[in-house]
Amino acid sequence: MIARDMTKLLRQDVQSMHAYAIQPSAGMVKLDAMENPHRLSDALQAELGQRLGALALNRYPGERVDDLRRALATHCSMPEGFDLMLGNGSDELISLLAMACDVPGATILAPVPGFVMYGMSARLQGLGFVGVDLTPDFELDEAAMLAAIDRHQPSIVYLAYPNNPTANLWNDAAIEKIVEAAPGLVVFDEAYQPFSSRSYIDRLPRHGHVLLMRTLSKFGLAGVRIGYMIGPAALIAEVDKVRPPYNVSVLNCECALFALEHSGIYAQQAQDLREQRAVVARGLSAMPGVTHWPSDANMVLVRVPDAQKTFDGMKAHGILVKNVSKMHPLLANCLRLTIGTADQNSQLLSALKASL
């Protein structure tokens, strides 16, 4: 075979990017990716297995996907006159929005530090991306946000609610000013809604340019890859035109329907994680040299004297967390800790204390 240099066929900006990194986790207590640590009971696993085994895998997904759309609309109390589209996780919806809004000179804007896929999706689609720094306490910089909106006239403004990796909800008055000032779409990303004290969904009917995204990943189905986006029906119909056909498999669809039929179990799991979040916060407060911020998600952001040293020490103790200290200057010496089970959280706190 003759060796050929294929890199000349690839975009230079793509070659200069870094792929989304996933940490190896074999043998570790995995507390780095905001996953629900709880699994289904043996009885429910068997019941789900029977349903999945009976599916017509030889057929493309059909009307069952519409059953899922209706079930999600009911589950989230979708407002009248709104509609819902599905994605292979929220990541695909973010990419589809960038594709739908890809007009010459278009820009996407979001506070930073924030979810990396907002910027990555913009760059992959050839759009501009403007990141506006949060304040040192991770609040929205209202003046800077409004100035950036006025200057760049973004097609999309993303507001993660609560934010990742900082885990906090932002000031409502500042949010409303940003929504009113935005010349294009405003997308509320409520990935962590099961753990949050507030949602924007009740305010959706006030605006014709606001979309709301959620995911079943934090609900407890990270491996199933189901995201959904709610918005005015006419607007969703336009964005839905760029969605690939059959983007949600029959397996994913049936898993999601099964989970929604047992939503009470997942609600109990979310309640447990909210309670465990408080336990972890109390443990962190008792550690000299550790700063942590209030959380409305299933994670806690902490600052330690030496993030890399502490991360390595915790890993040596078998605890895998996320070192976010190099993501943005505001995150200097910060680690992101996912909330796990009571036993996992006890191990996490012990490992953190021993690794400072």
Protein backbone atom coordinates (compact mmCIF):
# COMPACT_ATOMS: atom_id res chain seq x y z
CA MET A 1 0.00 0.00 0.00
CA ILE A 2 1.32 3.45 -0.94
CA ALA A 3 1.34 5.84 1.98
CA ARG A 4 -0.48 9.09 1.30
CA ASP A 5 -0.74 12.28 3.32
CA MET A 6 -4.46 12.72 3.92
CA THR A 7 -4.08 15.68 6.26
CA LYS A 8 -4.21 18.08 3.32
CA LEU A 9 -7.84 17.04 2.87
CA LEU A 10 -8.76 18.02 6.42
CA ARG A 11 -9.59 21.54 7.59
CA GLN A 12 -6.66 23.24 9.28
CA ASP A 13 -8.84 24.47 12.14
CA VAL A 14 -10.04 20.90 12.78
CA GLN A 15 -6.44 19.65 12.85
CA SER A 16 -5.58 22.29 15.45
CA MET A 17 -8.48 21.29 17.74
CA HIS A 18 -8.42 18.81 20.61
CA ALA A 19 -10.96 15.99 20.65
CA TYR A 20 -13.35 15.76 23.59
CA ALA A 21 -11.34 13.87 26.20
CA ILE A 22 -12.73 10.94 28.19
CA GLN A 23 -10.63 9.76 31.12
CA PRO A 24 -9.85 6.04 31.51
CA SER A 25 -11.80 4.85 34.56
CA ALA A 26 -11.30 1.10 34.88
CA GLY A 27 -11.05 0.09 38.53
CA MET A 28 -11.80 3.61 39.76
CA VAL A 29 -14.66 5.15 41.72
CA LYS A 30 -15.89 7.21 38.79
CA LEU A 31 -16.88 10.69 39.96
CA ASP A 32 -15.73 12.76 36.99
CA ALA A 33 -18.68 12.94 34.56
CA MET A 34 -21.83 13.85 36.53
CA GLU A 35 -23.39 10.41 36.01
CA ASN A 36 -26.14 9.00 38.20
CA PRO A 37 -24.39 6.31 40.31
CA HIS A 38 -27.59 4.30 40.88
CA ARG A 39 -28.51 1.29 38.74
CA LEU A 40 -31.85 -0.39 38.15
CA SER A 41 -32.90 -3.26 40.37
CA ASP A 42 -32.44 -6.80 39.07
CA ALA A 43 -36.20 -7.10 38.48
CA LEU A 44 -36.37 -3.90 36.42
CA GLN A 45 -33.24 -4.87 34.48
CA ALA A 46 -34.93 -8.14 33.53
CA GLU A 47 -38.14 -6.36 32.55
CA LEU A 48 -36.27 -3.86 30.41
CA GLY A 49 -34.23 -6.63 28.81
CA GLN A 50 -37.39 -8.43 27.73
CA ARG A 51 -38.75 -5.27 26.13
CA LEU A 52 -35.52 -4.54 24.30
CA GLY A 53 -35.24 -8.14 23.11
CA ALA A 54 -38.70 -7.98 21.55
CA LEU A 55 -37.94 -4.89 19.42
CA ALA A 56 -37.90 -5.09 15.64
CA LEU A 57 -34.23 -4.28 15.17
CA ASN A 58 -34.56 -5.01 11.46
CA ARG A 59 -36.76 -1.92 11.05
CA TYR A 60 -35.90 1.76 11.18
CA PRO A 61 -37.34 3.70 14.14
CA GLY A 62 -40.97 4.62 13.50
CA GLU A 63 -43.99 5.88 15.42
CA ARG A 64 -42.52 4.77 18.74
CA VAL A 65 -40.27 7.84 18.62
CA ASP A 66 -43.40 10.01 18.57
CA ASP A 67 -44.58 8.13 21.67
CA LEU A 68 -41.37 9.22 23.36
CA ARG A 69 -41.84 12.83 22.26
CA ARG A 70 -45.35 12.84 23.78
CA ALA A 71 -44.12 11.17 26.97
CA LEU A 72 -41.36 13.76 27.39
CA ALA A 73 -43.78 16.61 26.71
CA THR A 74 -46.00 15.32 29.51
CA HIS A 75 -43.06 14.66 31.81
CA CYS A 76 -41.73 18.23 31.54
CA SER A 77 -45.17 19.91 31.41
CA MET A 78 -44.44 21.46 28.02
CA PRO A 79 -46.42 24.71 27.52
CA GLU A 80 -49.27 24.84 25.01
CA GLY A 81 -48.23 25.94 21.53
CA PHE A 82 -44.73 24.51 21.99
CA ASP A 83 -43.16 21.44 20.46
CA LEU A 84 -40.23 19.15 21.19
CA MET A 85 -37.46 17.62 19.09
CA LEU A 86 -35.12 14.78 20.02
CA GLY A 87 -31.36 14.54 19.78
CA ASN A 88 -28.75 11.87 20.32
CA GLY A 89 -27.94 13.58 23.60
CA SER A 90 -27.88 17.34 24.03
CA ASP A 91 -24.58 17.40 22.15
CA GLU A 92 -26.33 16.62 18.87
CA LEU A 93 -28.94 19.32 19.49
CA ILE A 94 -26.18 21.86 20.06
CA SER A 95 -24.59 20.83 16.76
CA LEU A 96 -27.92 20.97 14.93
CA LEU A 97 -28.59 24.48 16.20
CA ALA A 98 -25.21 25.62 14.89
CA MET A 99 -26.01 24.02 11.54
CA ALA A 100 -29.45 25.61 11.35
CA CYS A 101 -28.04 29.06 12.15
CA ASP A 102 -25.04 28.83 9.83
CA VAL A 103 -25.45 32.05 7.87
CA PRO A 104 -22.54 34.31 6.82
CA GLY A 105 -21.11 36.18 9.80
CA ALA A 106 -23.14 34.30 12.41
CA THR A 107 -21.80 34.15 15.96
CA ILE A 108 -22.59 32.04 19.01
CA LEU A 109 -22.09 33.59 22.45
CA ALA A 110 -21.93 32.02 25.90
CA PRO A 111 -20.52 32.77 29.35
CA VAL A 112 -17.21 31.10 30.16
CA PRO A 113 -16.16 28.92 31.80
CA GLY A 114 -19.05 26.82 30.53
CA PHE A 115 -19.90 23.68 28.58
CA VAL A 116 -17.17 23.21 25.99
CA MET A 117 -19.55 21.97 23.28
CA TYR A 118 -21.03 25.44 22.73
CA GLY A 119 -17.73 26.72 21.40
CA MET A 120 -16.71 23.48 19.73
CA SER A 121 -19.98 23.20 17.78
CA ALA A 122 -19.61 26.79 16.58
CA ARG A 123 -16.06 26.28 15.38
CA LEU A 124 -16.84 22.95 13.68
CA GLN A 125 -19.65 24.64 11.77
CA GLY A 126 -17.43 27.56 10.81
CA LEU A 127 -19.24 30.07 13.03
CA GLY A 128 -17.71 32.65 15.32
CA PHE A 129 -17.71 31.99 19.05
CA VAL A 130 -17.59 34.69 21.72
CA GLY A 131 -16.97 33.65 25.31
CA VAL A 132 -17.79 36.23 27.99
CA ASP A 133 -15.98 35.75 31.29
CA LEU A 134 -18.01 35.19 34.43
CA THR A 135 -17.17 37.21 37.52
CA PRO A 136 -14.61 35.74 39.98
CA ASP A 137 -17.49 34.27 42.02
CA PHE A 138 -18.91 32.65 38.83
CA GLU A 139 -21.86 35.00 38.46
CA LEU A 140 -22.90 36.46 35.12
CA ASP A 141 -21.07 39.67 34.31
CA GLU A 142 -24.24 41.49 33.26
CA ALA A 143 -22.53 44.55 31.79
CA ALA A 144 -20.02 42.47 29.82
CA MET A 145 -22.71 40.15 28.52
CA LEU A 146 -24.92 43.02 27.35
CA ALA A 147 -21.96 44.78 25.74
CA ALA A 148 -20.91 41.61 23.90
CA ILE A 149 -24.47 41.03 22.68
CA ASP A 150 -24.68 44.59 21.41
CA ARG A 151 -21.31 44.34 19.67
CA HIS A 152 -21.53 40.85 18.14
CA GLN A 153 -25.30 40.47 17.59
CA PRO A 154 -25.12 36.71 18.19
CA SER A 155 -27.44 34.28 16.45
CA ILE A 156 -27.46 32.12 19.60
CA VAL A 157 -26.84 32.92 23.26
CA TYR A 158 -26.39 29.86 25.48
CA LEU A 159 -27.23 30.06 29.17
CA ALA A 160 -26.55 26.85 31.10
CA TYR A 161 -28.97 26.75 34.00
CA PRO A 162 -27.24 25.61 36.21
CA ASN A 163 -23.81 26.01 34.68
CA ASN A 164 -21.14 23.39 34.08
CA PRO A 165 -18.55 23.19 35.64
CA THR A 166 -19.43 25.83 38.23
CA ALA A 167 -22.77 24.15 39.18
CA ASN A 168 -24.51 27.40 40.07
CA LEU A 169 -27.68 29.16 38.95
CA TRP A 170 -27.33 32.76 37.87
CA ASN A 171 -29.11 35.93 38.90
CA ASP A 172 -32.62 36.02 37.44
CA ALA A 173 -32.68 39.77 36.87
CA ALA A 174 -29.45 39.59 34.84
CA ILE A 175 -30.81 36.65 32.86
CA GLU A 176 -33.97 38.52 31.91
CA LYS A 177 -31.98 41.52 30.68
CA ILE A 178 -29.88 39.20 28.51
CA VAL A 179 -32.97 37.48 27.12
CA GLU A 180 -34.52 40.82 26.22
CA ALA A 181 -31.30 42.13 24.65
CA ALA A 182 -30.58 39.04 22.53
CA PRO A 183 -31.25 39.66 18.81
CA GLY A 184 -31.38 35.93 18.02
CA LEU A 185 -32.08 32.73 19.88
CA VAL A 186 -31.52 32.26 23.61
CA VAL A 187 -31.04 28.62 24.59
CA PHE A 188 -31.38 27.57 28.21
CA ASP A 189 -29.45 24.35 28.79
CA GLU A 190 -31.07 22.61 31.74
CA ALA A 191 -29.02 19.42 31.68
CA TYR A 192 -28.97 19.31 35.49
CA GLN A 193 -32.65 20.08 36.01
CA PRO A 194 -33.31 17.01 38.26
CA PHE A 195 -31.02 18.55 40.89
CA SER A 196 -31.89 22.23 40.44
CA SER A 197 -34.05 24.45 42.61
CA ARG A 198 -35.33 26.45 39.60
CA SER A 199 -36.24 26.01 35.93
CA TYR A 200 -36.95 28.46 33.14
CA ILE A 201 -39.74 26.38 31.63
CA ASP A 202 -42.57 28.38 33.20
CA ARG A 203 -41.21 31.55 31.58
CA LEU A 204 -40.94 30.10 28.08
CA PRO A 205 -44.38 31.35 26.92
CA ARG A 206 -43.25 34.97 27.50
CA HIS A 207 -40.79 34.80 24.60
CA GLY A 208 -40.83 33.67 21.00
CA HIS A 209 -37.05 33.36 20.67
CA VAL A 210 -36.20 31.18 23.69
CA LEU A 211 -35.49 27.45 23.51
CA LEU A 212 -34.95 25.05 26.41
CA MET A 213 -32.78 21.95 26.27
CA ARG A 214 -32.81 19.02 28.65
CA THR A 215 -31.26 15.57 28.68
CA LEU A 216 -32.01 12.18 30.18
CA SER A 217 -28.28 11.73 30.87
CA LYS A 218 -28.43 13.31 34.32
CA PHE A 219 -31.91 11.86 34.87
CA GLY A 220 -30.09 8.52 35.01
CA LEU A 221 -29.64 7.42 31.39
CA ALA A 222 -26.22 8.75 30.41
CA GLY A 223 -25.58 5.62 28.35
CA VAL A 224 -28.84 5.94 26.41
CA ARG A 225 -28.09 9.31 24.77
CA ILE A 226 -31.43 11.11 24.67
CA GLY A 227 -31.60 14.91 24.64
CA TYR A 228 -34.64 17.03 23.87
CA MET A 229 -35.31 20.65 23.04
CA ILE A 230 -38.51 22.60 23.64
CA GLY A 231 -39.58 25.77 21.87
CA PRO A 232 -42.37 27.49 19.94
CA ALA A 233 -43.79 24.91 17.53
CA ALA A 234 -43.00 26.88 14.37
CA LEU A 235 -39.40 27.47 15.45
CA ILE A 236 -38.83 23.82 16.41
CA ALA A 237 -40.24 22.77 13.03
CA GLU A 238 -37.56 24.84 11.27
CA VAL A 239 -34.65 23.55 13.37
CA ASP A 240 -35.95 19.98 13.03
CA LYS A 241 -35.32 20.14 9.28
CA VAL A 242 -31.57 19.69 9.83
CA ARG A 243 -31.99 16.69 12.12
CA PRO A 244 -30.71 13.47 10.55
CA PRO A 245 -33.41 10.84 9.91
CA TYR A 246 -33.61 8.13 12.55
CA ASN A 247 -31.19 9.90 14.88
CA VAL A 248 -32.72 8.11 17.91
CA SER A 249 -32.45 4.32 17.81
CA VAL A 250 -35.29 2.00 18.78
CA LEU A 251 -33.17 0.76 21.70
CA ASN A 252 -32.57 4.27 23.03
CA CYS A 253 -36.20 5.18 22.52
CA GLU A 254 -37.53 2.15 24.40
CA CYS A 255 -35.07 2.64 27.27
CA ALA A 256 -36.23 6.23 27.64
CA LEU A 257 -39.92 5.27 27.60
CA PHE A 258 -39.24 2.58 30.19
CA ALA A 259 -37.46 5.10 32.43
CA LEU A 260 -40.29 7.62 32.16
CA GLU A 261 -42.77 4.90 33.13
CA HIS A 262 -40.68 4.47 36.30
CA SER A 263 -39.96 8.15 36.81
CA GLY A 264 -40.73 7.86 40.54
CA ILE A 265 -37.66 5.69 41.01
CA TYR A 266 -35.47 8.23 39.24
CA ALA A 267 -37.01 11.04 41.28
CA GLN A 268 -36.03 9.17 44.45
CA GLN A 269 -32.50 8.80 43.12
CA ALA A 270 -32.32 12.53 42.39
CA GLN A 271 -33.55 13.29 45.91
CA ASP A 272 -30.84 11.02 47.34
CA LEU A 273 -28.19 12.81 45.30
CA ARG A 274 -29.44 16.23 46.45
CA GLU A 275 -29.16 15.02 50.05
CA GLN A 276 -25.71 13.60 49.41
CA ARG A 277 -24.68 16.90 47.84
CA ALA A 278 -25.37 18.56 51.19
CA VAL A 279 -23.31 15.89 52.97
CA VAL A 280 -20.37 16.49 50.64
CA ALA A 281 -20.68 20.26 51.08
CA ARG A 282 -20.51 19.89 54.87
CA GLY A 283 -17.44 17.69 54.53
CA LEU A 284 -15.74 20.20 52.26
CA SER A 285 -16.51 23.06 54.64
CA ALA A 286 -14.57 21.24 57.35
CA MET A 287 -11.39 21.00 55.25
CA PRO A 288 -8.85 23.81 55.72
CA GLY A 289 -7.55 25.17 52.45
CA VAL A 290 -10.54 23.98 50.40
CA THR A 291 -13.05 26.43 48.91
CA HIS A 292 -16.32 25.22 47.41
CA TRP A 293 -19.25 26.98 45.80
CA PRO A 294 -23.01 26.40 46.19
CA SER A 295 -24.34 23.81 43.76
CA ASP A 296 -27.68 23.26 42.04
CA ALA A 297 -26.34 20.26 40.10
CA ASN A 298 -24.99 16.80 40.90
CA MET A 299 -21.45 18.15 41.14
CA VAL A 300 -19.47 20.51 43.34
CA LEU A 301 -16.67 22.81 42.22
CA VAL A 302 -13.78 23.08 44.68
CA ARG A 303 -10.55 25.05 44.77
CA VAL A 304 -7.52 23.48 46.42
CA PRO A 305 -3.95 24.71 46.92
CA ASP A 306 -2.57 22.50 44.10
CA ALA A 307 -5.12 20.98 41.72
CA GLN A 308 -2.77 18.60 39.89
CA LYS A 309 -1.21 17.27 43.10
CA THR A 310 -4.63 16.74 44.65
CA PHE A 311 -6.05 15.15 41.49
CA ASP A 312 -3.12 12.74 41.27
CA GLY A 313 -3.41 11.90 44.96
CA MET A 314 -7.12 11.17 44.71
CA LYS A 315 -6.50 9.01 41.65
CA ALA A 316 -3.89 7.05 43.60
CA HIS A 317 -6.61 6.44 46.20
CA GLY A 318 -8.89 5.08 43.45
CA ILE A 319 -11.10 8.18 43.12
CA LEU A 320 -11.45 9.74 39.67
CA VAL A 321 -12.62 13.37 39.52
CA LYS A 322 -12.23 16.09 36.89
CA ASN A 323 -9.29 18.47 36.93
CA VAL A 324 -10.75 21.62 35.35
CA SER A 325 -7.94 23.93 36.48
CA LYS A 326 -6.60 24.45 32.94
CA MET A 327 -9.97 25.04 31.26
CA HIS A 328 -10.10 28.76 32.07
CA PRO A 329 -8.09 31.19 34.24
CA LEU A 330 -11.07 31.62 36.58
CA LEU A 331 -10.83 27.89 37.36
CA ALA A 332 -7.24 28.00 38.59
CA ASN A 333 -6.61 25.06 40.98
CA CYS A 334 -10.22 23.87 40.70
CA LEU A 335 -11.52 20.31 40.65
CA ARG A 336 -15.04 19.21 39.78
CA LEU A 337 -16.46 16.49 42.01
CA THR A 338 -19.48 14.44 40.93
CA ILE A 339 -21.91 13.48 43.69
CA GLY A 340 -22.07 9.70 44.13
CA THR A 341 -23.59 7.27 46.58
CA ALA A 342 -23.11 7.73 50.32
CA ASP A 343 -20.23 5.23 50.34
CA GLN A 344 -18.60 6.77 47.27
CA ASN A 345 -18.85 10.25 48.75
CA SER A 346 -17.26 9.07 51.97
CA GLN A 347 -14.36 7.64 49.96
CA LEU A 348 -14.14 10.86 47.95
CA LEU A 349 -13.89 13.08 51.03
CA SER A 350 -11.29 10.80 52.63
CA ALA A 351 -9.21 10.74 49.45
CA LEU A 352 -9.46 14.50 49.04
CA LYS A 353 -8.38 15.14 52.62
CA ALA A 354 -5.43 12.76 52.26
CA SER A 355 -4.36 14.31 48.95
CA LEU A 356 -4.30 18.02 49.84
